[in-house]
Amino acid sequence: MIKLRTLSATIVLLVLSIGLAITLAKAAPESPTIVSTATPLLSNLLNIASTIGDDNFATADLTTLVDPSTTATQHYGPYASGSTDSGTCGNDWANDLFNRFFTVFTRSDGSIVVVEQFKDGTFTTPASDSPPVNFSPGACETSTTPQGIVNPGVTGNLHGYFIIPLPPGETQYSHNPSCFFDFTECTTTSFIDSHFTPPCPGSCVDLVTTFFDHYVAVDQGLIIHEWKNASADRGGNSGDIRSSNIF
């Protein structure tokens, strides 16, 4: 998964009062345990994602999709970024490059939701820290034993998004166009902590309640060409970027 900082193995998401466990890969969410309470703003954004589809939600100009009479929007980005990417077996399997975009949604009731989009993304195997046997991103999705590998030199495209409801009491103190003016690099945490207060008590990726990342590679000897890394409320993980099976 597209990484902000390091995101390791399993995250437990309690989304809209449903307890669901899902194995997450490195992208942005690290390894948070989150309890989410649906607000009208969050419910509206989830309904929009369901209506237009996750792939469109990941790439659309989201400011055009809400009612400006009820919801104020601010748009930030693009911010060129890169990270290693981990799969369901826990290993980093690819290096990612992408542009980050942030859209801040605010309602008069004080609720704030930040949507982070990952656009124009590409990936290349292996990651800079992949193990000698590079398990494919979906290799442990249905088994604790790795089921497949991905060869070096595989390239493809990616896009995705995170939905981040900010806790009650968060207020925006800056509209600076920089993603990380108080930090050294652009990440989910650096953007939120540079624009909102109080700062996250750790990594702001712990606030992510919904995520979706979509990877596609063509030919290159692959036996599976498409991987979706998503939270349970977006259908969960499916597919793989796999060169061969492990028997």
C-alpha atoms as a PDB file:
ATOM      1  CA  MET A   1       0.000   0.000   0.000  1.00  0.00           C
ATOM      2  CA  ILE A   2       1.120   3.567  -0.640  1.00  0.00           C
ATOM      3  CA  LYS A   3       3.176   4.559   2.355  1.00  0.00           C
ATOM      4  CA  LEU A   4       3.340   7.790   4.268  1.00  0.00           C
ATOM      5  CA  ARG A   5       5.644   6.564   6.875  1.00  0.00           C
ATOM      6  CA  THR A   6       5.994   2.895   7.647  1.00  0.00           C
ATOM      7  CA  LEU A   7       2.851   0.855   7.701  1.00  0.00           C
ATOM      8  CA  SER A   8       3.321  -2.665   8.807  1.00  0.00           C
ATOM      9  CA  ALA A   9       1.060  -5.610   9.191  1.00  0.00           C
ATOM     10  CA  THR A  10      -2.488  -5.642  10.533  1.00  0.00           C
ATOM     11  CA  ILE A  11      -4.798  -2.775  11.266  1.00  0.00           C
ATOM     12  CA  VAL A  12      -8.157  -3.057  12.946  1.00  0.00           C
ATOM     13  CA  LEU A  13     -10.740  -0.711  11.583  1.00  0.00           C
ATOM     14  CA  LEU A  14     -14.027  -0.159  13.357  1.00  0.00           C
ATOM     15  CA  VAL A  15     -15.857   1.546  10.557  1.00  0.00           C
ATOM     16  CA  LEU A  16     -19.336   2.899  11.001  1.00  0.00           C
ATOM     17  CA  SER A  17     -19.844   0.809  14.151  1.00  0.00           C
ATOM     18  CA  ILE A  18     -18.813  -2.473  12.477  1.00  0.00           C
ATOM     19  CA  GLY A  19     -15.740  -4.276  13.849  1.00  0.00           C
ATOM     20  CA  LEU A  20     -13.659  -5.553  10.962  1.00  0.00           C
ATOM     21  CA  ALA A  21     -10.037  -6.728  10.781  1.00  0.00           C
ATOM     22  CA  ILE A  22      -7.920  -6.261   7.672  1.00  0.00           C
ATOM     23  CA  THR A  23      -4.299  -6.766   6.717  1.00  0.00           C
ATOM     24  CA  LEU A  24      -2.829  -3.497   5.511  1.00  0.00           C
ATOM     25  CA  ALA A  25       0.257  -2.819   3.483  1.00  0.00           C
ATOM     26  CA  LYS A  26       2.617   0.134   3.691  1.00  0.00           C
ATOM     27  CA  ALA A  27       1.298   3.220   2.102  1.00  0.00           C
ATOM     28  CA  ALA A  28      -0.037   5.738   4.456  1.00  0.00           C
ATOM     29  CA  PRO A  29      -1.848   4.094   7.309  1.00  0.00           C
ATOM     30  CA  GLU A  30       0.858   2.577   9.455  1.00  0.00           C
ATOM     31  CA  SER A  31      -0.785   0.205  11.908  1.00  0.00           C
ATOM     32  CA  PRO A  32      -3.582   2.113  13.604  1.00  0.00           C
ATOM     33  CA  THR A  33      -6.468   0.860  15.674  1.00  0.00           C
ATOM     34  CA  ILE A  34      -9.290   3.267  14.958  1.00  0.00           C
ATOM     35  CA  VAL A  35     -12.810   3.858  16.192  1.00  0.00           C
ATOM     36  CA  SER A  36     -14.835   5.942  13.764  1.00  0.00           C
ATOM     37  CA  THR A  37     -18.117   7.688  14.495  1.00  0.00           C
ATOM     38  CA  ALA A  38     -20.029   8.565  11.361  1.00  0.00           C
ATOM     39  CA  THR A  39     -20.873  12.256  11.049  1.00  0.00           C
ATOM     40  CA  PRO A  40     -23.107  13.714   8.324  1.00  0.00           C
ATOM     41  CA  LEU A  41     -19.962  14.984   6.579  1.00  0.00           C
ATOM     42  CA  LEU A  42     -18.180  11.626   6.695  1.00  0.00           C
ATOM     43  CA  SER A  43     -21.325   9.777   5.621  1.00  0.00           C
ATOM     44  CA  ASN A  44     -21.757  12.154   2.681  1.00  0.00           C
ATOM     45  CA  LEU A  45     -18.184  11.596   1.476  1.00  0.00           C
ATOM     46  CA  LEU A  46     -18.535   7.823   1.759  1.00  0.00           C
ATOM     47  CA  ASN A  47     -21.792   8.006  -0.200  1.00  0.00           C
ATOM     48  CA  ILE A  48     -20.042  10.024  -2.914  1.00  0.00           C
ATOM     49  CA  ALA A  49     -17.258   7.430  -3.121  1.00  0.00           C
ATOM     50  CA  SER A  50     -19.840   4.663  -3.452  1.00  0.00           C
ATOM     51  CA  THR A  51     -21.817   6.574  -6.070  1.00  0.00           C
ATOM     52  CA  ILE A  52     -18.957   7.529  -8.411  1.00  0.00           C
ATOM     53  CA  GLY A  53     -16.760   4.519  -7.627  1.00  0.00           C
ATOM     54  CA  ASP A  54     -13.490   4.297  -5.721  1.00  0.00           C
ATOM     55  CA  ASP A  55     -11.264   4.743  -8.772  1.00  0.00           C
ATOM     56  CA  ASN A  56     -13.053   7.956  -9.726  1.00  0.00           C
ATOM     57  CA  PHE A  57     -13.021   9.178  -6.114  1.00  0.00           C
ATOM     58  CA  ALA A  58      -9.245   8.676  -6.077  1.00  0.00           C
ATOM     59  CA  THR A  59      -8.681  10.873  -9.130  1.00  0.00           C
ATOM     60  CA  ALA A  60     -11.564  13.400  -9.223  1.00  0.00           C
ATOM     61  CA  ASP A  61     -11.544  17.055  -8.197  1.00  0.00           C
ATOM     62  CA  LEU A  62     -13.469  16.449  -4.989  1.00  0.00           C
ATOM     63  CA  THR A  63     -14.260  20.126  -4.428  1.00  0.00           C
ATOM     64  CA  THR A  64     -16.847  19.898  -7.219  1.00  0.00           C
ATOM     65  CA  LEU A  65     -18.742  16.989  -5.651  1.00  0.00           C
ATOM     66  CA  VAL A  66     -20.151  18.557  -2.469  1.00  0.00           C
ATOM     67  CA  ASP A  67     -22.785  21.217  -1.884  1.00  0.00           C
ATOM     68  CA  PRO A  68     -20.905  24.494  -1.229  1.00  0.00           C
ATOM     69  CA  SER A  69     -23.865  25.826   0.776  1.00  0.00           C
ATOM     70  CA  THR A  70     -23.282  23.161   3.451  1.00  0.00           C
ATOM     71  CA  THR A  71     -19.630  22.183   3.036  1.00  0.00           C
ATOM     72  CA  ALA A  72     -16.584  24.419   2.581  1.00  0.00           C
ATOM     73  CA  THR A  73     -13.612  22.963   0.696  1.00  0.00           C
ATOM     74  CA  GLN A  74      -9.915  23.715   0.372  1.00  0.00           C
ATOM     75  CA  HIS A  75      -7.591  22.040  -2.118  1.00  0.00           C
ATOM     76  CA  TYR A  76      -3.838  21.483  -1.619  1.00  0.00           C
ATOM     77  CA  GLY A  77      -1.305  19.891  -3.958  1.00  0.00           C
ATOM     78  CA  PRO A  78       0.151  18.323  -5.946  1.00  0.00           C
ATOM     79  CA  TYR A  79       3.096  17.331  -3.765  1.00  0.00           C
ATOM     80  CA  ALA A  80       5.570  14.957  -5.422  1.00  0.00           C
ATOM     81  CA  SER A  81       6.217  12.042  -3.083  1.00  0.00           C
ATOM     82  CA  GLY A  82       7.670   8.575  -2.955  1.00  0.00           C
ATOM     83  CA  SER A  83       7.888   5.645  -0.580  1.00  0.00           C
ATOM     84  CA  THR A  84       8.440   1.955  -0.327  1.00  0.00           C
ATOM     85  CA  ASP A  85       5.294  -0.164  -0.468  1.00  0.00           C
ATOM     86  CA  SER A  86       4.489  -3.204   1.627  1.00  0.00           C
ATOM     87  CA  GLY A  87       2.195  -6.116   0.982  1.00  0.00           C
ATOM     88  CA  THR A  88       0.155  -8.523   3.034  1.00  0.00           C
ATOM     89  CA  CYS A  89       3.182 -10.642   4.001  1.00  0.00           C
ATOM     90  CA  GLY A  90       4.784  -7.609   5.668  1.00  0.00           C
ATOM     91  CA  ASN A  91       7.729  -7.195   3.294  1.00  0.00           C
ATOM     92  CA  ASP A  92       8.267  -4.109   1.151  1.00  0.00           C
ATOM     93  CA  TRP A  93       7.743  -5.262  -2.431  1.00  0.00           C
ATOM     94  CA  ALA A  94       7.996  -2.077  -4.579  1.00  0.00           C
ATOM     95  CA  ASN A  95       9.087   1.547  -4.675  1.00  0.00           C
ATOM     96  CA  ASP A  96       6.267   4.042  -5.362  1.00  0.00           C
ATOM     97  CA  LEU A  97       6.227   7.516  -6.879  1.00  0.00           C
ATOM     98  CA  PHE A  98       3.027   9.604  -6.817  1.00  0.00           C
ATOM     99  CA  ASN A  99       1.535  13.056  -6.319  1.00  0.00           C
ATOM    100  CA  ARG A 100      -0.276  13.763  -3.051  1.00  0.00           C
ATOM    101  CA  PHE A 101      -3.370  15.953  -3.007  1.00  0.00           C
ATOM    102  CA  PHE A 102      -5.312  16.984   0.104  1.00  0.00           C
ATOM    103  CA  THR A 103      -8.906  18.237   0.164  1.00  0.00           C
ATOM    104  CA  VAL A 104     -10.168  19.684   3.442  1.00  0.00           C
ATOM    105  CA  PHE A 105     -13.951  19.510   3.993  1.00  0.00           C
ATOM    106  CA  THR A 106     -15.529  21.604   6.773  1.00  0.00           C
ATOM    107  CA  ARG A 107     -19.154  21.892   7.862  1.00  0.00           C
ATOM    108  CA  SER A 108     -20.821  24.518  10.042  1.00  0.00           C
ATOM    109  CA  ASP A 109     -21.195  21.936  12.845  1.00  0.00           C
ATOM    110  CA  GLY A 110     -17.402  22.007  13.199  1.00  0.00           C
ATOM    111  CA  SER A 111     -16.717  18.600  11.685  1.00  0.00           C
ATOM    112  CA  ILE A 112     -13.628  18.348   9.463  1.00  0.00           C
ATOM    113  CA  VAL A 113     -12.627  15.543   7.114  1.00  0.00           C
ATOM    114  CA  VAL A 114      -9.385  15.475   5.149  1.00  0.00           C
ATOM    115  CA  VAL A 115      -9.235  13.342   2.005  1.00  0.00           C
ATOM    116  CA  GLU A 116      -5.750  12.529   0.767  1.00  0.00           C
ATOM    117  CA  GLN A 117      -5.504  11.369  -2.849  1.00  0.00           C
ATOM    118  CA  PHE A 118      -2.583   9.613  -4.511  1.00  0.00           C
ATOM    119  CA  LYS A 119      -2.560  10.398  -8.227  1.00  0.00           C
ATOM    120  CA  ASP A 120      -0.317   9.781 -11.248  1.00  0.00           C
ATOM    121  CA  GLY A 121       1.401   6.980  -9.360  1.00  0.00           C
ATOM    122  CA  THR A 122       3.867   4.386 -10.578  1.00  0.00           C
ATOM    123  CA  PHE A 123       5.563   1.446  -8.893  1.00  0.00           C
ATOM    124  CA  THR A 124       8.733  -0.517  -9.630  1.00  0.00           C
ATOM    125  CA  THR A 125       9.919  -3.787  -8.100  1.00  0.00           C
ATOM    126  CA  PRO A 126      11.750  -4.512  -5.946  1.00  0.00           C
ATOM    127  CA  ALA A 127      11.605  -1.965  -3.130  1.00  0.00           C
ATOM    128  CA  SER A 128      14.895  -0.544  -1.922  1.00  0.00           C
ATOM    129  CA  ASP A 129      14.579  -2.820   1.129  1.00  0.00           C
ATOM    130  CA  SER A 130      12.824  -5.867  -0.380  1.00  0.00           C
ATOM    131  CA  PRO A 131      14.035  -9.278   0.829  1.00  0.00           C
ATOM    132  CA  PRO A 132      15.868 -11.608  -1.614  1.00  0.00           C
ATOM    133  CA  VAL A 133      12.617 -13.541  -2.107  1.00  0.00           C
ATOM    134  CA  ASN A 134      10.177 -10.729  -2.836  1.00  0.00           C
ATOM    135  CA  PHE A 135       6.715 -11.945  -1.883  1.00  0.00           C
ATOM    136  CA  SER A 136       3.993 -10.369  -4.004  1.00  0.00           C
ATOM    137  CA  PRO A 137       1.708  -7.802  -2.339  1.00  0.00           C
ATOM    138  CA  GLY A 138      -1.308 -10.093  -2.115  1.00  0.00           C
ATOM    139  CA  ALA A 139       0.646 -13.275  -1.330  1.00  0.00           C
ATOM    140  CA  CYS A 140      -0.584 -13.543   2.277  1.00  0.00           C
ATOM    141  CA  GLU A 141      -4.095 -12.231   1.762  1.00  0.00           C
ATOM    142  CA  THR A 142      -5.744 -15.637   2.190  1.00  0.00           C
ATOM    143  CA  SER A 143      -2.918 -17.558   3.827  1.00  0.00           C
ATOM    144  CA  THR A 144      -0.315 -17.057   6.530  1.00  0.00           C
ATOM    145  CA  THR A 145       2.098 -18.864   4.187  1.00  0.00           C
ATOM    146  CA  PRO A 146       3.177 -16.727   1.191  1.00  0.00           C
ATOM    147  CA  GLN A 147       1.529 -17.885  -2.010  1.00  0.00           C
ATOM    148  CA  GLY A 148       3.458 -15.967  -4.663  1.00  0.00           C
ATOM    149  CA  ILE A 149       6.440 -13.782  -5.626  1.00  0.00           C
ATOM    150  CA  VAL A 150       6.967 -10.775  -7.878  1.00  0.00           C
ATOM    151  CA  ASN A 151      10.081 -10.535 -10.059  1.00  0.00           C
ATOM    152  CA  PRO A 152      12.473  -7.575 -10.199  1.00  0.00           C
ATOM    153  CA  GLY A 153      11.817  -4.962 -12.864  1.00  0.00           C
ATOM    154  CA  VAL A 154       8.013  -5.119 -12.813  1.00  0.00           C
ATOM    155  CA  THR A 155       6.445  -1.693 -13.312  1.00  0.00           C
ATOM    156  CA  GLY A 156       2.884  -0.411 -13.247  1.00  0.00           C
ATOM    157  CA  ASN A 157       0.481   2.353 -12.295  1.00  0.00           C
ATOM    158  CA  LEU A 158      -1.326   3.154  -9.067  1.00  0.00           C
ATOM    159  CA  HIS A 159      -3.787   5.570  -7.502  1.00  0.00           C
ATOM    160  CA  GLY A 160      -5.732   5.704  -4.268  1.00  0.00           C
ATOM    161  CA  TYR A 161      -7.089   7.715  -1.371  1.00  0.00           C
ATOM    162  CA  PHE A 162      -7.395   7.975   2.419  1.00  0.00           C
ATOM    163  CA  ILE A 163     -10.395   9.413   4.242  1.00  0.00           C
ATOM    164  CA  ILE A 164      -9.323  11.052   7.510  1.00  0.00           C
ATOM    165  CA  PRO A 165     -12.033  12.400   9.880  1.00  0.00           C
ATOM    166  CA  LEU A 166     -10.359  14.774  12.323  1.00  0.00           C
ATOM    167  CA  PRO A 167     -11.306  14.377  16.002  1.00  0.00           C
ATOM    168  CA  PRO A 168     -13.681  16.865  17.657  1.00  0.00           C
ATOM    169  CA  GLY A 169     -11.768  19.879  18.889  1.00  0.00           C
ATOM    170  CA  GLU A 170      -9.359  20.022  15.943  1.00  0.00           C
ATOM    171  CA  THR A 171      -9.128  23.511  14.463  1.00  0.00           C
ATOM    172  CA  GLN A 172      -7.346  24.795  11.391  1.00  0.00           C
ATOM    173  CA  TYR A 173      -4.640  27.335  12.154  1.00  0.00           C
ATOM    174  CA  SER A 174      -2.930  27.611   8.758  1.00  0.00           C
ATOM    175  CA  HIS A 175      -3.779  27.741   5.061  1.00  0.00           C
ATOM    176  CA  ASN A 176      -0.136  27.616   3.996  1.00  0.00           C
ATOM    177  CA  PRO A 177       0.137  26.019   0.528  1.00  0.00           C
ATOM    178  CA  SER A 178       3.157  24.001   1.623  1.00  0.00           C
ATOM    179  CA  CYS A 179       2.508  20.427   2.707  1.00  0.00           C
ATOM    180  CA  PHE A 180       5.262  20.365   5.330  1.00  0.00           C
ATOM    181  CA  PHE A 181       6.387  23.876   6.247  1.00  0.00           C
ATOM    182  CA  ASP A 182       7.200  22.761   9.806  1.00  0.00           C
ATOM    183  CA  PHE A 183       8.603  19.385   8.741  1.00  0.00           C
ATOM    184  CA  THR A 184      11.212  17.916   6.403  1.00  0.00           C
ATOM    185  CA  GLU A 185       8.988  16.004   3.983  1.00  0.00           C
ATOM    186  CA  CYS A 186       5.397  15.750   2.815  1.00  0.00           C
ATOM    187  CA  THR A 187       3.438  13.014   4.577  1.00  0.00           C
ATOM    188  CA  THR A 188      -0.077  12.641   5.913  1.00  0.00           C
ATOM    189  CA  THR A 189       1.207  13.575   9.356  1.00  0.00           C
ATOM    190  CA  SER A 190       3.217  16.590   8.206  1.00  0.00           C
ATOM    191  CA  PHE A 191       0.263  18.044   6.309  1.00  0.00           C
ATOM    192  CA  ILE A 192      -2.255  17.636   9.139  1.00  0.00           C
ATOM    193  CA  ASP A 193       0.102  18.758  11.895  1.00  0.00           C
ATOM    194  CA  SER A 194       1.215  21.754   9.806  1.00  0.00           C
ATOM    195  CA  HIS A 195      -2.373  22.945   9.294  1.00  0.00           C
ATOM    196  CA  PHE A 196      -4.413  21.758  12.283  1.00  0.00           C
ATOM    197  CA  THR A 197      -4.110  21.831  16.060  1.00  0.00           C
ATOM    198  CA  PRO A 198      -3.710  20.071  18.407  1.00  0.00           C
ATOM    199  CA  PRO A 199      -1.141  17.825  16.705  1.00  0.00           C
ATOM    200  CA  CYS A 200      -1.831  14.139  16.304  1.00  0.00           C
ATOM    201  CA  PRO A 201      -0.708  12.145  19.375  1.00  0.00           C
ATOM    202  CA  GLY A 202       1.689  10.152  17.219  1.00  0.00           C
ATOM    203  CA  SER A 203       1.121   9.465  13.548  1.00  0.00           C
ATOM    204  CA  CYS A 204      -1.882  11.109  11.870  1.00  0.00           C
ATOM    205  CA  VAL A 205      -2.317   7.959   9.787  1.00  0.00           C
ATOM    206  CA  ASP A 206      -3.898   6.501  12.910  1.00  0.00           C
ATOM    207  CA  LEU A 207      -6.901   8.697  12.059  1.00  0.00           C
ATOM    208  CA  VAL A 208      -7.489   7.021   8.676  1.00  0.00           C
ATOM    209  CA  THR A 209     -10.807   5.164   8.694  1.00  0.00           C
ATOM    210  CA  THR A 210     -11.194   4.367   4.995  1.00  0.00           C
ATOM    211  CA  PHE A 211      -8.561   3.688   2.344  1.00  0.00           C
ATOM    212  CA  PHE A 212      -8.345   2.398  -1.214  1.00  0.00           C
ATOM    213  CA  ASP A 213      -5.260   1.794  -3.374  1.00  0.00           C
ATOM    214  CA  HIS A 214      -5.380   0.269  -6.858  1.00  0.00           C
ATOM    215  CA  TYR A 215      -2.326  -1.172  -8.655  1.00  0.00           C
ATOM    216  CA  VAL A 216      -2.238  -2.362 -12.276  1.00  0.00           C
ATOM    217  CA  ALA A 217       0.618  -3.844 -14.326  1.00  0.00           C
ATOM    218  CA  VAL A 218       0.422  -5.101 -17.923  1.00  0.00           C
ATOM    219  CA  ASP A 219       2.128  -8.226 -19.336  1.00  0.00           C
ATOM    220  CA  GLN A 220       5.734  -8.582 -18.037  1.00  0.00           C
ATOM    221  CA  GLY A 221       5.155 -12.292 -17.523  1.00  0.00           C
ATOM    222  CA  LEU A 222       2.744 -11.697 -14.650  1.00  0.00           C
ATOM    223  CA  ILE A 223       0.111 -14.302 -13.825  1.00  0.00           C
ATOM    224  CA  ILE A 224      -1.945 -11.771 -11.790  1.00  0.00           C
ATOM    225  CA  HIS A 225      -1.904  -8.147 -12.948  1.00  0.00           C
ATOM    226  CA  GLU A 226      -4.084  -6.165 -10.544  1.00  0.00           C
ATOM    227  CA  TRP A 227      -4.112  -5.608  -6.790  1.00  0.00           C
ATOM    228  CA  LYS A 228      -6.598  -3.638  -4.709  1.00  0.00           C
ATOM    229  CA  ASN A 229      -5.538  -2.798  -1.151  1.00  0.00           C
ATOM    230  CA  ALA A 230      -8.601  -1.427   0.621  1.00  0.00           C
ATOM    231  CA  SER A 231     -10.324  -1.124   3.961  1.00  0.00           C
ATOM    232  CA  ALA A 232     -13.175  -3.517   4.664  1.00  0.00           C
ATOM    233  CA  ASP A 233     -15.819  -0.877   3.917  1.00  0.00           C
ATOM    234  CA  ARG A 234     -14.344  -0.500   0.400  1.00  0.00           C
ATOM    235  CA  GLY A 235     -14.385  -4.234  -0.281  1.00  0.00           C
ATOM    236  CA  GLY A 236     -11.114  -5.295   1.334  1.00  0.00           C
ATOM    237  CA  ASN A 237      -7.998  -6.557  -0.410  1.00  0.00           C
ATOM    238  CA  SER A 238      -8.219  -8.496  -3.680  1.00  0.00           C
ATOM    239  CA  GLY A 239      -5.963  -9.696  -6.470  1.00  0.00           C
ATOM    240  CA  ASP A 240      -2.169  -9.439  -6.639  1.00  0.00           C
ATOM    241  CA  ILE A 241       0.813  -8.329  -8.714  1.00  0.00           C
ATOM    242  CA  ARG A 242       2.328 -11.807  -9.068  1.00  0.00           C
ATOM    243  CA  SER A 243       5.022 -13.301 -11.290  1.00  0.00           C
ATOM    244  CA  SER A 244       4.702 -16.902 -10.102  1.00  0.00           C
ATOM    245  CA  ASN A 245       3.045 -19.064  -7.485  1.00  0.00           C
ATOM    246  CA  ILE A 246       4.829 -20.760  -4.612  1.00  0.00           C
ATOM    247  CA  PHE A 247       3.942 -24.433  -4.444  1.00  0.00           C
END
